[in-house]
Structures are given as structure tokens and as C-alpha cells.
PDB file of N, CA and C in Angstrom:
ATOM      1  N   MET A   1      78.327 198.793 154.837  1.00  0.00           N
ATOM      2  CA  MET A   1      78.991 198.066 153.773  1.00  0.00           C
ATOM      3  C   MET A   1      77.986 197.724 152.679  1.00  0.00           C
ATOM      4  N   THR A   2      78.354 198.000 151.465  1.00  0.00           N
ATOM      5  CA  THR A   2      77.493 197.723 150.325  1.00  0.00           C
ATOM      6  C   THR A   2      77.651 196.266 149.901  1.00  0.00           C
ATOM      7  N   LEU A   3      76.559 195.649 149.584  1.00  0.00           N
ATOM      8  CA  LEU A   3      76.545 194.277 149.095  1.00  0.00           C
ATOM      9  C   LEU A   3      77.186 194.245 147.712  1.00  0.00           C
ATOM     10  N   THR A   4      78.250 193.465 147.554  1.00  0.00           N
ATOM     11  CA  THR A   4      78.917 193.401 146.260  1.00  0.00           C
ATOM     12  C   THR A   4      78.373 192.241 145.439  1.00  0.00           C
ATOM     13  N   SER A   5      78.471 192.393 144.151  1.00  0.00           N
ATOM     14  CA  SER A   5      78.020 191.357 143.233  1.00  0.00           C
ATOM     15  C   SER A   5      78.795 190.056 143.458  1.00  0.00           C
ATOM     16  N   ASP A   6      80.094 190.187 143.723  1.00  0.00           N
ATOM     17  CA  ASP A   6      80.941 189.007 143.934  1.00  0.00           C
ATOM     18  C   ASP A   6      80.548 188.216 145.179  1.00  0.00           C
ATOM     19  N   SER A   7      80.039 188.895 146.193  1.00  0.00           N
ATOM     20  CA  SER A   7      79.734 188.215 147.442  1.00  0.00           C
ATOM     21  C   SER A   7      78.438 187.406 147.396  1.00  0.00           C
ATOM     22  N   VAL A   8      77.595 187.662 146.429  1.00  0.00           N
ATOM     23  CA  VAL A   8      76.292 186.996 146.377  1.00  0.00           C
ATOM     24  C   VAL A   8      76.450 185.480 146.240  1.00  0.00           C
ATOM     25  N   LYS A   9      77.147 185.038 145.225  1.00  0.00           N
ATOM     26  CA  LYS A   9      77.299 183.589 145.010  1.00  0.00           C
ATOM     27  C   LYS A   9      78.081 182.943 146.150  1.00  0.00           C
ATOM     28  N   LEU A  10      79.066 183.658 146.686  1.00  0.00           N
ATOM     29  CA  LEU A  10      79.828 183.129 147.814  1.00  0.00           C
ATOM     30  C   LEU A  10      78.921 182.873 149.013  1.00  0.00           C
ATOM     31  N   GLN A  11      78.043 183.799 149.296  1.00  0.00           N
ATOM     32  CA  GLN A  11      77.142 183.656 150.438  1.00  0.00           C
ATOM     33  C   GLN A  11      76.096 182.569 150.206  1.00  0.00           C
ATOM     34  N   VAL A  12      75.606 182.461 148.986  1.00  0.00           N
ATOM     35  CA  VAL A  12      74.653 181.399 148.654  1.00  0.00           C
ATOM     36  C   VAL A  12      75.338 180.037 148.802  1.00  0.00           C
ATOM     37  N   ASN A  13      76.554 179.930 148.287  1.00  0.00           N
ATOM     38  CA  ASN A  13      77.299 178.676 148.402  1.00  0.00           C
ATOM     39  C   ASN A  13      77.585 178.333 149.862  1.00  0.00           C
ATOM     40  N   GLU A  14      77.883 179.327 150.667  1.00  0.00           N
ATOM     41  CA  GLU A  14      78.157 179.092 152.080  1.00  0.00           C
ATOM     42  C   GLU A  14      76.934 178.510 152.789  1.00  0.00           C
ATOM     43  N   LEU A  15      75.758 179.012 152.459  1.00  0.00           N
ATOM     44  CA  LEU A  15      74.531 178.476 153.059  1.00  0.00           C
ATOM     45  C   LEU A  15      74.374 176.991 152.738  1.00  0.00           C
ATOM     46  N   LEU A  16      74.741 176.608 151.538  1.00  0.00           N
ATOM     47  CA  LEU A  16      74.679 175.198 151.150  1.00  0.00           C
ATOM     48  C   LEU A  16      75.727 174.379 151.899  1.00  0.00           C
ATOM     49  N   LEU A  17      76.948 174.897 151.942  1.00  0.00           N
ATOM     50  CA  LEU A  17      78.054 174.155 152.543  1.00  0.00           C
ATOM     51  C   LEU A  17      77.897 173.945 154.045  1.00  0.00           C
ATOM     52  N   ILE A  18      77.311 174.903 154.728  1.00  0.00           N
ATOM     53  CA  ILE A  18      77.146 174.756 156.173  1.00  0.00           C
ATOM     54  C   ILE A  18      75.822 174.082 156.542  1.00  0.00           C
ATOM     55  N   GLY A  19      75.057 173.699 155.534  1.00  0.00           N
ATOM     56  CA  GLY A  19      73.842 172.935 155.767  1.00  0.00           C
ATOM     57  C   GLY A  19      72.618 173.730 156.159  1.00  0.00           C
ATOM     58  N   GLN A  20      72.645 175.040 155.943  1.00  0.00           N
ATOM     59  CA  GLN A  20      71.475 175.856 156.257  1.00  0.00           C
ATOM     60  C   GLN A  20      70.437 175.834 155.147  1.00  0.00           C
ATOM     61  N   ALA A  21      70.801 175.256 154.013  1.00  0.00           N
ATOM     62  CA  ALA A  21      69.872 175.115 152.889  1.00  0.00           C
ATOM     63  C   ALA A  21      70.159 173.788 152.200  1.00  0.00           C
ATOM     64  N   ALA A  22      69.089 173.130 151.787  1.00  0.00           N
ATOM     65  CA  ALA A  22      69.234 171.818 151.149  1.00  0.00           C
ATOM     66  C   ALA A  22      69.404 171.914 149.638  1.00  0.00           C
ATOM     67  N   THR A  23      68.901 172.989 149.051  1.00  0.00           N
ATOM     68  CA  THR A  23      68.985 173.164 147.600  1.00  0.00           C
ATOM     69  C   THR A  23      69.480 174.573 147.289  1.00  0.00           C
ATOM     70  N   VAL A  24      69.921 174.760 146.065  1.00  0.00           N
ATOM     71  CA  VAL A  24      70.357 176.088 145.629  1.00  0.00           C
ATOM     72  C   VAL A  24      69.190 177.077 145.742  1.00  0.00           C
ATOM     73  N   TRP A  25      68.017 176.652 145.329  1.00  0.00           N
ATOM     74  CA  TRP A  25      66.835 177.528 145.397  1.00  0.00           C
ATOM     75  C   TRP A  25      66.595 177.990 146.835  1.00  0.00           C
ATOM     76  N   ASP A  26      66.658 177.048 147.782  1.00  0.00           N
ATOM     77  CA  ASP A  26      66.474 177.394 149.193  1.00  0.00           C
ATOM     78  C   ASP A  26      67.552 178.356 149.684  1.00  0.00           C
ATOM     79  N   ALA A  27      68.785 178.116 149.285  1.00  0.00           N
ATOM     80  CA  ALA A  27      69.887 178.992 149.680  1.00  0.00           C
ATOM     81  C   ALA A  27      69.689 180.399 149.123  1.00  0.00           C
ATOM     82  N   GLU A  28      69.249 180.476 147.880  1.00  0.00           N
ATOM     83  CA  GLU A  28      68.991 181.790 147.268  1.00  0.00           C
ATOM     84  C   GLU A  28      67.860 182.504 147.996  1.00  0.00           C
ATOM     85  N   GLU A  29      66.812 181.773 148.351  1.00  0.00           N
ATOM     86  CA  GLU A  29      65.691 182.359 149.090  1.00  0.00           C
ATOM     87  C   GLU A  29      66.161 182.897 150.440  1.00  0.00           C
ATOM     88  N   LYS A  30      66.959 182.115 151.148  1.00  0.00           N
ATOM     89  CA  LYS A  30      67.476 182.545 152.449  1.00  0.00           C
ATOM     90  C   LYS A  30      68.370 183.775 152.287  1.00  0.00           C
ATOM     91  N   PHE A  31      69.188 183.786 151.263  1.00  0.00           N
ATOM     92  CA  PHE A  31      70.044 184.941 151.003  1.00  0.00           C
ATOM     93  C   PHE A  31      69.185 186.183 150.764  1.00  0.00           C
ATOM     94  N   LEU A  32      68.191 186.066 149.898  1.00  0.00           N
ATOM     95  CA  LEU A  32      67.335 187.210 149.589  1.00  0.00           C
ATOM     96  C   LEU A  32      66.606 187.711 150.828  1.00  0.00           C
ATOM     97  N   ASP A  33      66.083 186.787 151.631  1.00  0.00           N
ATOM     98  CA  ASP A  33      65.386 187.186 152.856  1.00  0.00           C
ATOM     99  C   ASP A  33      66.321 187.905 153.819  1.00  0.00           C
ATOM    100  N   ALA A  34      67.547 187.427 153.941  1.00  0.00           N
ATOM    101  CA  ALA A  34      68.502 188.003 154.880  1.00  0.00           C
ATOM    102  C   ALA A  34      69.059 189.348 154.411  1.00  0.00           C
ATOM    103  N   HIS A  35      69.035 189.591 153.106  1.00  0.00           N
ATOM    104  CA  HIS A  35      69.685 190.787 152.560  1.00  0.00           C
ATOM    105  C   HIS A  35      68.732 191.747 151.859  1.00  0.00           C
ATOM    106  N   LEU A  36      67.464 191.640 152.147  1.00  0.00           N
ATOM    107  CA  LEU A  36      66.492 192.514 151.482  1.00  0.00           C
ATOM    108  C   LEU A  36      66.820 193.992 151.695  1.00  0.00           C
ATOM    109  N   ASN A  37      67.174 194.372 152.912  1.00  0.00           N
ATOM    110  CA  ASN A  37      67.512 195.781 153.177  1.00  0.00           C
ATOM    111  C   ASN A  37      68.745 196.213 152.390  1.00  0.00           C
ATOM    112  N   ASP A  38      69.738 195.326 152.290  1.00  0.00           N
ATOM    113  CA  ASP A  38      70.946 195.635 151.516  1.00  0.00           C
ATOM    114  C   ASP A  38      70.619 195.806 150.033  1.00  0.00           C
ATOM    115  N   ILE A  39      69.707 194.986 149.548  1.00  0.00           N
ATOM    116  CA  ILE A  39      69.311 195.062 148.139  1.00  0.00           C
ATOM    117  C   ILE A  39      68.584 196.380 147.868  1.00  0.00           C
ATOM    118  N   VAL A  40      67.738 196.785 148.789  1.00  0.00           N
ATOM    119  CA  VAL A  40      67.029 198.061 148.640  1.00  0.00           C
ATOM    120  C   VAL A  40      68.028 199.220 148.601  1.00  0.00           C
ATOM    121  N   LYS A  41      69.075 199.141 149.402  1.00  0.00           N
ATOM    122  CA  LYS A  41      70.088 200.203 149.423  1.00  0.00           C
ATOM    123  C   LYS A  41      70.825 200.323 148.087  1.00  0.00           C
ATOM    124  N   LEU A  42      70.885 199.231 147.342  1.00  0.00           N
ATOM    125  CA  LEU A  42      71.556 199.284 146.043  1.00  0.00           C
ATOM    126  C   LEU A  42      70.889 200.284 145.103  1.00  0.00           C
ATOM    127  N   VAL A  43      69.602 200.479 145.269  1.00  0.00           N
ATOM    128  CA  VAL A  43      68.874 201.448 144.447  1.00  0.00           C
ATOM    129  C   VAL A  43      69.484 202.840 144.612  1.00  0.00           C
ATOM    130  N   GLU A  44      69.916 203.139 145.820  1.00  0.00           N
ATOM    131  CA  GLU A  44      70.441 204.465 146.124  1.00  0.00           C
ATOM    132  C   GLU A  44      71.878 204.674 145.658  1.00  0.00           C
ATOM    133  N   VAL A  45      72.655 203.603 145.557  1.00  0.00           N
ATOM    134  CA  VAL A  45      74.087 203.775 145.297  1.00  0.00           C
ATOM    135  C   VAL A  45      74.538 203.379 143.891  1.00  0.00           C
ATOM    136  N   LEU A  46      73.701 202.694 143.140  1.00  0.00           N
ATOM    137  CA  LEU A  46      74.091 202.232 141.810  1.00  0.00           C
ATOM    138  C   LEU A  46      73.321 202.963 140.723  1.00  0.00           C
ATOM    139  N   ASP A  47      73.977 203.166 139.581  1.00  0.00           N
ATOM    140  CA  ASP A  47      73.232 203.703 138.439  1.00  0.00           C
ATOM    141  C   ASP A  47      72.422 202.556 137.824  1.00  0.00           C
ATOM    142  N   ASP A  48      71.596 202.855 136.858  1.00  0.00           N
ATOM    143  CA  ASP A  48      70.679 201.857 136.292  1.00  0.00           C
ATOM    144  C   ASP A  48      71.400 200.636 135.738  1.00  0.00           C
ATOM    145  N   GLN A  49      72.480 200.866 135.017  1.00  0.00           N
ATOM    146  CA  GLN A  49      73.199 199.743 134.408  1.00  0.00           C
ATOM    147  C   GLN A  49      73.848 198.866 135.476  1.00  0.00           C
ATOM    148  N   GLU A  50      74.477 199.477 136.464  1.00  0.00           N
ATOM    149  CA  GLU A  50      75.091 198.717 137.552  1.00  0.00           C
ATOM    150  C   GLU A  50      74.035 197.935 138.330  1.00  0.00           C
ATOM    151  N   PHE A  51      72.900 198.575 138.558  1.00  0.00           N
ATOM    152  CA  PHE A  51      71.802 197.943 139.288  1.00  0.00           C
ATOM    153  C   PHE A  51      71.314 196.695 138.559  1.00  0.00           C
ATOM    154  N   GLU A  52      71.060 196.827 137.271  1.00  0.00           N
ATOM    155  CA  GLU A  52      70.538 195.701 136.485  1.00  0.00           C
ATOM    156  C   GLU A  52      71.535 194.558 136.357  1.00  0.00           C
ATOM    157  N   SER A  53      72.823 194.854 136.416  1.00  0.00           N
ATOM    158  CA  SER A  53      73.830 193.807 136.250  1.00  0.00           C
ATOM    159  C   SER A  53      74.317 193.227 137.581  1.00  0.00           C
ATOM    160  N   HIS A  54      73.844 193.752 138.697  1.00  0.00           N
ATOM    161  CA  HIS A  54      74.267 193.262 140.008  1.00  0.00           C
ATOM    162  C   HIS A  54      73.678 191.873 140.247  1.00  0.00           C
ATOM    163  N   GLU A  55      74.508 190.965 140.756  1.00  0.00           N
ATOM    164  CA  GLU A  55      74.082 189.578 140.972  1.00  0.00           C
ATOM    165  C   GLU A  55      72.897 189.468 141.929  1.00  0.00           C
ATOM    166  N   ALA A  56      72.832 190.314 142.935  1.00  0.00           N
ATOM    167  CA  ALA A  56      71.709 190.262 143.874  1.00  0.00           C
ATOM    168  C   ALA A  56      70.400 190.637 143.185  1.00  0.00           C
ATOM    169  N   ILE A  57      70.456 191.591 142.286  1.00  0.00           N
ATOM    170  CA  ILE A  57      69.253 192.010 141.558  1.00  0.00           C
ATOM    171  C   ILE A  57      68.832 190.920 140.572  1.00  0.00           C
ATOM    172  N   LYS A  58      69.795 190.335 139.891  1.00  0.00           N
ATOM    173  CA  LYS A  58      69.480 189.222 138.984  1.00  0.00           C
ATOM    174  C   LYS A  58      68.824 188.079 139.746  1.00  0.00           C
ATOM    175  N   LEU A  59      69.358 187.790 140.927  1.00  0.00           N
ATOM    176  CA  LEU A  59      68.803 186.726 141.756  1.00  0.00           C
ATOM    177  C   LEU A  59      67.382 187.075 142.186  1.00  0.00           C
ATOM    178  N   LEU A  60      67.182 188.296 142.612  1.00  0.00           N
ATOM    179  CA  LEU A  60      65.853 188.742 143.022  1.00  0.00           C
ATOM    180  C   LEU A  60      64.857 188.620 141.875  1.00  0.00           C
ATOM    181  N   MET A  61      65.254 189.038 140.696  1.00  0.00           N
ATOM    182  CA  MET A  61      64.362 188.960 139.539  1.00  0.00           C
ATOM    183  C   MET A  61      64.055 187.512 139.157  1.00  0.00           C
ATOM    184  N   SER A  62      65.028 186.634 139.318  1.00  0.00           N
ATOM    185  CA  SER A  62      64.776 185.225 138.978  1.00  0.00           C
ATOM    186  C   SER A  62      63.834 184.572 139.972  1.00  0.00           C
ATOM    187  N   HIS A  63      63.737 185.126 141.168  1.00  0.00           N
ATOM    188  CA  HIS A  63      62.831 184.595 142.184  1.00  0.00           C
ATOM    189  C   HIS A  63      61.563 185.437 142.280  1.00  0.00           C
ATOM    190  N   GLY A  64      61.413 186.388 141.403  1.00  0.00           N
ATOM    191  CA  GLY A  64      60.292 187.322 141.477  1.00  0.00           C
ATOM    192  C   GLY A  64      58.933 186.710 141.258  1.00  0.00           C
ATOM    193  N   SER A  65      58.860 185.665 140.463  1.00  0.00           N
ATOM    194  CA  SER A  65      57.567 185.018 140.201  1.00  0.00           C
ATOM    195  C   SER A  65      57.402 183.826 141.144  1.00  0.00           C
ATOM    196  N   ARG A  66      57.128 184.153 142.367  1.00  0.00           N
ATOM    197  CA  ARG A  66      56.990 183.095 143.368  1.00  0.00           C
ATOM    198  C   ARG A  66      55.615 182.469 143.299  1.00  0.00           C
ATOM    199  N   ARG A  67      55.568 181.200 143.632  1.00  0.00           N
ATOM    200  CA  ARG A  67      54.297 180.466 143.630  1.00  0.00           C
ATOM    201  C   ARG A  67      53.346 181.013 144.650  1.00  0.00           C
TER     202      ARG A  67
END
């Protein structure tokens, strides 16, 4: 199953709602860690424009400059 753009925010929100993350940043980090393989697969199935506009890729790029 391919990771859809729509499912990204839903999964991040779920991590917050079930108490697995205390902040949005933490939830996003947990999502990225859990779905790294799925994100890599997006390279193979999406064209450049779809890839750049995918919510998981946007999230990854926003977390790219880690401390």
C-alpha cells in the first residue's frame, strides 16, 4: 500500500490523540521514523511534481534540518 498524502496528517493527529506524542513536532518525528521505508518508496512511484507536493515529503523536508 502506498502512503497517501491525505493519510499523513491523519496519522500524525492520531499519535497526538492516543497520547503517543506530546507535541505536534514529536508526532511528526514518530510518523517519519515509522514510515521512512514508505517515504523512500514514493521516489519510485511518483513523478517529480507529485513527489514534491506529497505531504510526507513536505513533512520530511520541514524536519530535514535537525539539531
